[in-house]
Protein backbone atom coordinates (compact mmCIF):
# COMPACT_ATOMS: atom_id res chain seq x y z
CA MET A 1 -24.97 28.50 -36.13
CA SER A 2 -25.57 30.01 -32.65
CA VAL A 3 -26.72 26.45 -30.89
CA SER A 4 -22.83 24.68 -32.84
CA CYS A 5 -20.83 27.93 -31.16
CA GLY A 6 -22.80 27.54 -27.72
CA ALA A 7 -22.53 23.66 -27.71
CA GLU A 8 -18.17 24.31 -28.39
CA CYS A 9 -17.91 27.13 -26.20
CA LEU A 10 -19.64 24.58 -23.27
CA VAL A 11 -17.47 21.92 -24.25
CA VAL A 12 -14.42 24.54 -23.75
CA LEU A 13 -15.43 26.18 -20.60
CA GLY A 14 -15.70 22.06 -19.29
CA CYS A 15 -12.27 21.06 -20.98
CA ALA A 16 -10.86 24.01 -19.18
CA ARG A 17 -12.12 23.79 -15.83
CA TRP A 18 -11.14 20.12 -15.78
CA ALA A 19 -7.37 20.52 -16.66
CA TRP A 20 -7.51 23.65 -14.17
CA LYS A 21 -8.46 21.30 -10.93
CA ARG A 22 -6.24 18.71 -12.29
CA CYS A 23 -3.35 20.88 -12.85
CA THR A 24 -4.02 22.43 -9.68
CA TYR A 25 -4.60 19.30 -7.28
CA ILE A 26 -1.26 18.36 -5.34
CA GLY A 27 -0.64 15.02 -2.97
CA SER A 28 -1.16 17.20 -0.19
CA ASP A 29 -4.86 17.89 -0.45
CA ASP A 30 -5.94 14.47 -0.05
CA THR A 31 -4.20 14.54 3.63
CA GLU A 32 -4.91 18.22 4.66
CA THR A 33 -7.00 17.58 7.74
CA TRP A 34 -4.80 14.61 8.62
CA PRO A 35 -2.92 15.07 12.50
CA THR A 36 0.96 14.85 12.34
CA ALA A 37 2.66 11.16 12.92
CA THR A 38 4.67 10.90 16.81
CA PRO A 39 8.25 9.73 16.25
CA GLU A 40 7.69 6.57 18.41
CA GLU A 41 5.07 5.75 15.84
CA PHE A 42 6.77 6.46 12.44
CA GLU A 43 10.26 5.14 13.84
CA PRO A 44 9.22 1.51 11.37
CA ILE A 45 9.32 2.89 8.33
CA PRO A 46 12.89 4.40 7.36
CA ARG A 47 13.95 1.09 8.69
CA VAL A 48 11.75 -1.01 7.00
CA CYS A 49 12.95 0.75 3.28
CA ARG A 50 16.39 -0.14 4.06
CA ILE A 51 15.10 -3.94 4.09
CA ILE A 52 12.76 -3.36 0.80
CA LEU A 53 15.73 -1.46 -0.92
CA ALA A 54 18.34 -4.52 0.43
CA VAL A 55 16.23 -6.84 -1.76
CA TYR A 56 17.76 -5.52 -4.88
CA GLU A 57 21.04 -5.83 -3.71
CA PRO A 58 23.01 -8.64 -4.46
CA ASP A 59 25.74 -9.02 -1.57
CA LEU A 60 25.03 -6.98 1.71
CA ARG A 61 28.57 -7.71 2.35
CA ARG A 62 29.96 -6.04 -0.68
CA PRO A 63 26.51 -3.37 -1.25
CA LYS A 64 26.74 -1.33 -4.71
CA TYR A 65 23.65 0.59 -4.18
CA ALA A 66 23.87 1.44 -0.61
CA PRO A 67 21.60 4.43 0.90
CA SER A 68 23.12 7.21 2.37
CA GLY A 69 24.29 5.85 5.87
CA GLY A 70 24.15 2.10 4.57
CA TYR A 71 21.78 -0.33 5.42
CA ARG A 72 22.41 -0.82 8.72
CA LEU A 73 21.33 -4.59 8.60
CA ASN A 74 23.67 -7.97 9.68
CA PRO A 75 23.83 -10.24 6.57
CA ASP A 76 24.03 -12.98 8.89
CA TRP A 77 20.27 -12.26 9.76
CA VAL A 78 19.12 -12.60 6.25
CA ILE A 79 17.45 -16.10 6.39
CA LYS A 80 16.37 -16.51 2.73
CA ARG A 81 16.14 -14.59 -0.42
CA VAL A 82 14.26 -15.56 -3.45
CA THR A 83 14.64 -14.82 -7.17
CA TYR A 84 12.45 -14.40 -10.53
CA GLU A 85 14.34 -18.02 -11.07
CA GLN A 86 12.57 -18.79 -7.98
CA THR A 87 9.10 -17.44 -8.28
CA LEU A 88 8.06 -18.73 -11.47
CA GLY A 89 6.55 -15.26 -12.27
CA HIS A 90 4.24 -15.93 -9.58
CA ALA A 91 5.68 -13.28 -7.01
CA PRO A 92 8.35 -10.45 -7.11
CA PRO A 93 11.69 -11.26 -5.55
CA TYR A 94 12.02 -11.25 -2.13
CA LEU A 95 13.60 -11.92 1.39
CA ILE A 96 13.18 -12.90 4.99
CA TYR A 97 15.35 -10.69 7.31
CA LEU A 98 15.56 -11.59 11.12
CA ASP A 99 15.67 -8.76 12.98
CA HIS A 100 16.75 -9.34 16.49
CA ASP A 101 17.63 -5.77 17.60
CA ASN A 102 13.68 -4.52 17.02
CA ARG A 103 12.78 -8.75 17.65
CA GLU A 104 10.79 -8.75 13.89
CA ILE A 105 10.41 -11.58 11.48
CA VAL A 106 10.42 -9.54 8.02
CA LEU A 107 9.31 -10.85 4.69
CA ALA A 108 10.62 -7.90 2.26
CA ILE A 109 8.97 -8.14 -0.97
CA ARG A 110 10.97 -5.36 -4.00
CA GLY A 111 9.01 -3.28 -6.74
CA LEU A 112 7.85 -3.80 -10.13
CA ASN A 113 10.44 -4.37 -12.34
CA MET A 114 10.08 -2.41 -16.11
CA VAL A 115 11.58 -5.83 -17.79
CA LYS A 116 9.63 -8.38 -16.41
CA GLU A 117 6.52 -9.43 -18.81
CA SER A 118 5.50 -11.15 -15.26
CA ASP A 119 5.41 -8.32 -13.50
CA TYR A 120 3.36 -6.67 -15.94
CA LYS A 121 0.66 -9.81 -15.98
CA LEU A 122 0.55 -9.79 -12.01
CA LEU A 123 -0.32 -5.84 -12.29
CA LEU A 124 -2.91 -6.12 -14.28
CA ASP A 125 -4.81 -9.37 -13.64
CA ASN A 126 -7.93 -7.37 -12.25
CA ARG A 127 -10.90 -5.72 -12.99
CA LEU A 128 -13.40 -4.01 -11.07
CA GLY A 129 -14.93 -5.79 -8.35
CA LYS A 130 -13.39 -9.43 -9.61
CA GLN A 131 -12.30 -10.09 -6.73
CA MET A 132 -13.83 -10.03 -3.21
CA PHE A 133 -12.39 -11.53 0.17
CA ALA A 134 -12.43 -10.67 3.45
CA GLY A 135 -15.54 -8.63 3.22
CA GLY A 136 -14.82 -6.40 0.52
CA PHE A 137 -12.66 -6.06 -2.87
CA VAL A 138 -9.01 -6.83 -3.41
CA HIS A 139 -7.02 -6.88 -6.52
CA HIS A 140 -7.10 -10.34 -8.41
CA GLY A 141 -3.18 -11.05 -9.77
CA LEU A 142 -2.07 -9.37 -6.06
CA LEU A 143 -4.34 -11.69 -3.93
CA LYS A 144 -3.11 -14.77 -6.12
CA SER A 145 0.53 -13.71 -5.38
CA ALA A 146 0.35 -12.95 -1.75
CA VAL A 147 -1.43 -17.08 -1.71
CA TRP A 148 1.34 -18.04 -3.54
CA VAL A 149 4.31 -16.70 -1.50
CA LEU A 150 2.48 -17.50 1.81
CA ASN A 151 1.88 -21.01 0.74
CA ALA A 152 5.68 -21.52 -0.09
CA GLU A 153 7.00 -19.22 3.02
CA SER A 154 4.57 -20.28 5.70
CA GLU A 155 6.62 -23.31 7.16
CA THR A 156 9.75 -21.30 6.98
CA LEU A 157 7.88 -17.88 9.09
CA ARG A 158 6.19 -20.13 11.26
CA ASN A 159 9.56 -21.69 12.25
CA LEU A 160 11.26 -18.69 12.76
CA TRP A 161 8.80 -16.99 14.88
CA VAL A 162 8.81 -20.30 17.10
CA GLU A 163 12.41 -20.41 17.37
CA ASN A 164 12.24 -17.00 18.65
CA ARG A 165 10.08 -17.71 21.84
CA ARG A 166 6.75 -16.61 19.86
CA VAL A 167 7.64 -12.92 20.93
CA TYR A 168 8.97 -11.68 17.86
CA GLU A 169 6.18 -9.40 15.32
CA MET A 170 5.91 -10.41 11.70
CA VAL A 171 6.77 -7.89 9.62
CA PHE A 172 5.20 -8.26 5.48
CA ALA A 173 6.49 -5.14 3.57
CA GLY A 174 7.11 -4.65 -0.18
CA HIS A 175 7.64 -1.24 -2.43
CA SER A 176 5.53 -0.60 -5.90
CA LEU A 177 3.60 -3.93 -6.66
CA GLY A 178 5.53 -5.76 -3.76
CA SER A 179 3.38 -3.10 -1.49
CA GLY A 180 0.03 -4.21 -2.64
CA VAL A 181 1.22 -8.47 -2.44
CA ALA A 182 2.43 -7.52 1.52
CA ALA A 183 -0.82 -5.93 1.63
CA LEU A 184 -2.65 -8.49 1.43
CA MET A 185 -0.53 -11.11 2.71
CA SER A 186 -1.26 -8.90 5.79
CA VAL A 187 -4.75 -9.03 5.43
CA ILE A 188 -4.72 -12.83 4.81
CA VAL A 189 -2.59 -13.79 8.28
CA ALA A 190 -4.51 -11.48 10.43
CA ASN A 191 -7.78 -12.88 9.25
CA ASN A 192 -6.71 -16.66 9.69
CA GLY A 193 -4.17 -16.26 12.28
CA GLY A 194 -4.90 -18.39 15.71
CA ASN A 195 -7.44 -20.30 13.58
CA SER A 196 -5.71 -21.71 11.36
CA ALA A 197 -3.33 -24.72 10.86
CA LEU A 198 -0.96 -22.77 8.11
CA TYR A 199 -0.26 -19.71 10.61
CA ASN A 200 0.42 -21.63 13.51
CA ASN A 201 -1.41 -19.33 16.35
CA ILE A 202 0.24 -16.39 15.07
CA PRO A 203 -1.48 -13.66 17.18
CA LYS A 204 -2.76 -10.64 15.07
CA ILE A 205 -1.69 -7.89 17.46
CA GLU A 206 2.25 -9.48 16.69
CA ILE A 207 1.02 -8.76 12.70
CA LYS A 208 2.61 -5.50 11.16
CA HIS A 209 2.65 -4.15 7.46
CA PHE A 210 4.73 -1.30 6.19
CA PRO A 211 4.60 -0.57 2.45
CA PRO A 212 6.31 2.51 1.59
CA ASP A 213 3.05 4.05 -0.42
CA ASP A 214 3.10 6.18 -3.41
CA PHE A 215 0.91 6.01 -6.21
CA LEU A 216 1.58 2.44 -7.48
CA PRO A 217 0.30 0.43 -4.98
CA ARG A 218 -2.30 2.88 -3.85
CA THR A 219 -4.47 2.49 -6.76
CA PRO A 220 -3.77 -0.61 -9.15
CA THR A 221 -6.63 -0.67 -10.96
CA PRO A 222 -6.47 3.09 -12.61
CA LEU A 223 -3.03 1.90 -13.72
CA GLU A 224 -4.54 0.29 -17.07
CA ASP A 225 -5.48 3.70 -18.74
CA ILE A 226 -2.18 5.11 -17.49
CA PHE A 227 -0.85 1.86 -19.40
CA LYS A 228 -3.12 2.83 -22.08
CA SER A 229 -2.36 5.97 -22.39
CA ILE A 230 0.66 5.18 -24.53
CA PHE A 231 -1.01 4.09 -27.52
CA CYS A 232 -4.22 7.13 -27.20
CA LEU A 233 -3.15 9.98 -25.19
CA PRO A 234 -5.13 12.83 -26.62
CA CYS A 235 -8.47 10.11 -27.10
CA LEU A 236 -7.87 9.31 -23.40
CA LEU A 237 -7.79 12.46 -21.80
CA PHE A 238 -10.98 13.37 -23.73
CA LEU A 239 -12.96 10.51 -22.44
CA VAL A 240 -11.74 11.07 -18.87
CA CYS A 241 -12.35 14.63 -18.71
CA LEU A 242 -16.04 13.60 -19.74
CA ARG A 243 -16.05 11.03 -17.20
CA ASP A 244 -14.96 13.72 -14.37
CA THR A 245 -17.01 16.81 -15.74
CA PHE A 246 -20.68 14.10 -15.60
CA ILE A 247 -19.67 12.02 -13.15
CA SER A 248 -19.17 13.68 -9.34
CA GLU A 249 -16.35 12.75 -7.11
CA ASP A 250 -18.27 11.66 -4.34
CA ARG A 251 -20.19 9.15 -6.02
CA LYS A 252 -16.76 7.67 -7.73
CA LEU A 253 -15.29 6.79 -4.24
CA LYS A 254 -18.46 5.50 -2.65
CA ASP A 255 -18.33 3.09 -4.86
CA PRO A 256 -17.42 -0.51 -2.95
CA ARG A 257 -15.63 -1.90 -5.58
CA ARG A 258 -12.85 0.80 -5.53
CA LEU A 259 -9.87 -0.53 -4.64
CA TYR A 260 -7.27 1.50 -1.52
CA ALA A 261 -4.75 0.79 0.32
CA PRO A 262 -5.65 -0.71 3.91
CA GLY A 263 -4.92 0.43 7.02
CA ARG A 264 -3.08 3.61 8.86
CA ILE A 265 -1.26 5.42 5.97
CA TYR A 266 1.90 7.78 6.90
CA HIS A 267 2.13 10.67 3.80
CA ILE A 268 5.52 12.22 3.85
CA VAL A 269 4.81 15.95 2.59
CA GLU A 270 7.54 17.58 0.63
CA ARG A 271 6.19 19.76 -1.83
CA LYS A 272 4.08 22.71 -2.03
CA PHE A 273 1.64 23.88 -4.85
CA CYS A 274 3.69 26.40 -7.31
CA ARG A 275 6.70 25.95 -5.67
CA CYS A 276 9.78 24.28 -6.99
CA GLY A 277 11.85 21.73 -5.04
CA ARG A 278 11.43 19.73 -1.93
CA TYR A 279 10.77 21.31 1.23
CA PRO A 280 11.21 20.12 5.17
CA PRO A 281 9.30 16.96 5.31
CA GLU A 282 6.54 16.20 7.53
CA VAL A 283 4.69 13.68 8.53
CA ARG A 284 0.88 13.63 8.43
CA THR A 285 -1.54 9.85 8.95
CA ALA A 286 -4.63 8.33 9.02
CA ILE A 287 -6.98 6.04 8.34
CA PRO A 288 -7.78 6.41 4.87
CA VAL A 289 -11.94 5.95 4.17
CA ASP A 290 -13.23 8.99 3.75
CA GLY A 291 -11.59 10.33 0.25
CA ARG A 292 -9.95 6.99 0.16
CA PHE A 293 -6.34 9.10 -0.97
CA GLU A 294 -6.75 7.11 -3.82
CA HIS A 295 -5.86 10.28 -6.51
CA ILE A 296 -2.97 9.79 -8.76
CA MET A 297 -0.67 12.77 -9.09
CA LEU A 298 1.43 12.69 -11.73
CA SER A 299 3.65 15.54 -12.72
CA CYS A 300 7.28 15.47 -13.66
CA ASN A 301 8.59 14.32 -10.11
CA ALA A 302 6.50 10.98 -10.11
CA THR A 303 9.08 9.05 -11.08
CA SER A 304 12.18 9.81 -8.34
CA ASP A 305 9.27 10.41 -5.94
CA HIS A 306 8.20 6.60 -7.07
CA ALA A 307 12.02 5.87 -6.04
CA ILE A 308 12.35 3.00 -2.93
CA ILE A 309 15.56 4.82 -2.47
CA TRP A 310 13.66 8.44 -1.82
CA ILE A 311 11.35 7.19 0.10
CA GLU A 312 13.75 5.67 2.45
CA ARG A 313 15.90 9.16 2.17
CA GLU A 314 12.84 10.90 2.57
CA ALA A 315 11.14 9.47 5.30
CA GLU A 316 14.76 9.84 7.37
CA LYS A 317 14.75 12.94 6.88
CA ALA A 318 10.75 13.13 7.83
CA LEU A 319 12.07 10.48 11.19
CA GLN A 320 14.91 13.20 12.49
CA ARG A 321 12.89 15.85 12.05
CA LEU A 322 9.91 14.56 14.17
CA LYS A 323 12.66 13.75 16.78
CA GLU A 324 14.05 17.20 16.91
CA MET A 325 10.24 19.00 16.68
CA ASN A 326 9.92 16.25 19.63
CA GLU A 327 13.15 18.02 21.84
CA GLU A 328 12.57 21.22 21.68
CA THR A 329 9.16 20.53 23.41
CA VAL A 330 11.30 19.01 26.90
CA THR A 331 10.57 21.83 28.39
CA THR A 332 7.01 22.36 28.09
CA PRO A 333 4.11 19.67 27.94
CA PRO A 334 3.91 18.09 24.61
CA LYS A 335 1.28 18.77 22.08
CA VAL A 336 0.06 15.65 22.43
CA GLN A 337 -0.03 13.22 25.40
CA LYS A 338 1.08 10.11 24.32
CA LEU A 339 -2.15 8.63 26.45
CA GLU A 340 -4.05 11.15 24.48
CA ARG A 341 -2.34 9.83 21.05
CA LYS A 342 -3.23 6.52 21.81
CA GLN A 343 -7.12 7.46 22.24
CA THR A 344 -6.58 8.87 18.95
CA ILE A 345 -5.25 6.42 17.19
CA GLU A 346 -8.27 3.91 18.87
CA LYS A 347 -10.60 6.03 18.06
CA GLU A 348 -9.90 6.78 14.45
CA HIS A 349 -9.98 2.94 14.02
CA LYS A 350 -13.07 2.68 15.57
CA ASP A 351 -14.52 5.75 13.11
CA ALA A 352 -12.85 3.98 10.12
CA LEU A 353 -14.47 0.63 10.77
CA GLU A 354 -18.07 2.39 11.14
CA ARG A 355 -17.63 4.18 7.61
CA ALA A 356 -16.23 1.37 5.95
CA VAL A 357 -19.27 -0.57 7.23
CA SER A 358 -21.41 2.45 6.10
CA LEU A 359 -20.16 1.31 2.35
CA ASN A 360 -22.80 -1.23 2.08
CA ILE A 361 -20.53 -3.38 -0.06
CA PRO A 362 -23.45 -5.60 -1.86
CA HIS A 363 -22.69 -9.86 -1.19
CA ALA A 364 -19.30 -9.03 0.77
CA VAL A 365 -20.48 -10.42 4.21
CA GLY A 366 -20.96 -14.13 3.74
CA SER A 367 -21.99 -16.26 6.41
CA THR A 368 -19.42 -18.34 9.01
CA GLU A 369 -19.38 -21.36 6.72
CA GLU A 370 -18.43 -19.98 3.53
CA GLU A 371 -16.05 -18.04 5.52
CA GLU A 372 -14.27 -20.79 6.52
CA GLU A 373 -14.08 -22.69 3.27
CA CYS A 374 -12.67 -19.68 1.62
CA SER A 375 -9.83 -19.54 3.84
CA ARG A 376 -9.39 -23.34 3.97
CA LYS A 377 -9.14 -23.01 0.46
CA ILE A 378 -6.26 -20.05 0.55
CA GLU A 379 -4.68 -21.64 2.61
CA GLU A 380 -4.40 -25.20 0.73
CA GLY A 381 -3.24 -22.78 -2.71
CA GLU A 382 -6.71 -23.51 -4.32
CA SER A 383 -7.84 -20.44 -3.89
CA SER A 384 -11.51 -19.91 -5.13
CA MET A 385 -10.65 -17.02 -7.70
CA ASP A 386 -9.27 -19.51 -9.90
CA LYS A 387 -12.30 -21.59 -9.42
CA GLY A 388 -14.95 -19.45 -9.81
CA ASP A 389 -16.68 -19.84 -6.40
CA ALA A 390 -18.90 -16.77 -5.72
CA THR A 391 -18.10 -16.55 -1.83
CA CYS A 392 -14.80 -15.31 -2.70
CA GLU A 393 -14.91 -13.79 -6.38
CA LYS A 394 -18.11 -11.88 -7.48
CA SER A 395 -18.36 -12.99 -11.40
């Protein structure tokens, strides 16, 4: 009897400890050591968010869902719109926008549509460690979608770049599900740019990716658990509690198969622990390798924070606040000199690459011939993820 009581007490204490850690952990904890972004580097974020919002708008000349201040876009510069009927479920709808003011060619992809079965199939087409690509692991369904969009639009993008004297930057952007697709598109083009007939000598330095980040594109794989929880929430919570109790956080994060957003992250922090409402937003930035910035914070604010219109609104507020803080230092030397900030960014990039290499991903880096063969198949729309080629996919 005493043994069973002791076991029950241990289970209760363990569950209480797990629940406390879950309930008290907030998004800002992931980035508390990150430095503050500068206005110059954060400036494109709200602007690109408005282009993504334009994908949802049926007519930019007579907008119905315009954000505060409007889209600030020229409808005549929209080169192409692609709908679900045209993508045939291979990708979410997107548009191509030629931004002459900022010298950018933008391909923006909309987010998850809750009533489209094809979007769910795309999102759930993955399992841990299923798809290997470019020296690491990626989401299988999102990679297929990224390859499809590039095969469909590479000629259009290349022609636009050439017609504009090869000086415009190539920007891939997306929200929610589209964010993951856009991220992988940028990786594919960066890896093949300059060496591929498909992406005719587009310099790697001219490729940018701005996905508004939230819990959906950050970690696509764990969303399977979220959808399963609809059917068996108590059972799932108990199993997750046991897993988190007996498997350390460090051990889980060191698993090289786990997915995380590539590149630099800008985290807009506007909430505080045990306080209601939003606070003046601050922007923190870093390349997330340590810890990987992959916790999913589900709360009563998750839905509203996930909406692209809220991301655009808070990003614009954050940008204006950064500019105001920067103007306050005009009479005194700025806290972070531009040259010093540039050196810091370069050092962060170098350190992140070194830490990524230290993950020791097995079989992730093949020979030069294997990588070239994988790139060739992607260009031809015959990615080995559908053919079982071990070069691009780990079976």
